[in-house]
Amino acid sequence: MFYVFSNPQAIAEHVSELLIAQIQKKNDSVLGLATGSTMEPVYEKLCEQVARLNVDVSGLTTFNLDEYIGLGSDHPQSYRYYMRQHLFNRLAFAQHRTFLPDGLCADPVKQCEQYSGQIQQAGHIDLQLLGIGNNGHIGFNEPGTSFGSRTHVVPLTEQTRIDNSRFFDSLDEVPTQAITLGLQDIMESKQIILIATGTNKAQIMAELYESPVTEQLPASVVKSHPNAMILLDEQAAQFLPAELRDAVES
């Protein structure tokens, strides 16, 4: 389940190939997408590959993991803005089938119910991309989140806000709440790819490797999925067993 690559670019190449294969196999695939710096090389490589191979993405439906409450889609730090910059505006996606929670919705709780419902109506997610936070969160599902959770409103921990403050002018500007896909929604995906890169993810990846499946480490639930891959670069894998670190994927 754990695969070590030499660098983030090698992971991006591999994940792009997996995404292309999924799209070519099923041109109306439902993709679960994530944001953050870990995903930027993946989306960059995917854009290159789609253009080079002339892959049709117009039939895809996408659901993003999360969105900040209080940020509109035109705010530079909203996840809708991120997705437009890195993917949606660069390829011929059908924009009406690119779904994210609305950070300015009047009734976040009702929207959460609708969002999970939309995913189920779409037949669930075919391939879900995930990053991982320094405390093991996936999406914004913080330690202690129920494995049975559906899309929900979550108060962001101080550490998560500090981690994300590098994208804002100050910590005060970082939202205090978000809407996130629930762990059960994620686990109903048919395939999951979790990616971790960089030395700042080395400690949590060592914990994830050793950990039992526990709600205290939300990402550990991925280890119980029947079709999941956990991809690390050498920096993120530095505390994993030597036999894994020595088997570097090309």
Foldseek 3Di string as FASTA:
>chain_A
DEAAAAALLVVLLVVLVVVLVVCVVPVLAEEEDEDDPSCQSNLVVNLVVCVVVVGDNQNYAYEYFKWAAPDALPPCPTVNNRCCVRHDVSHNYPVVRYDYDGNDDPDNAVSQVVSLVVCVVSVAHAEYEWEADLQQDTSQLAQPADLPDAWDKDFHDPVRLVVPCVVDPGSVPRGGMMIGGHNVSVLPHNAYEYEDEALSLQVVVQCLVPDAQHSRNSNVVQVVRPHYYYYYYLNNPVPPDPVNSVNHDD
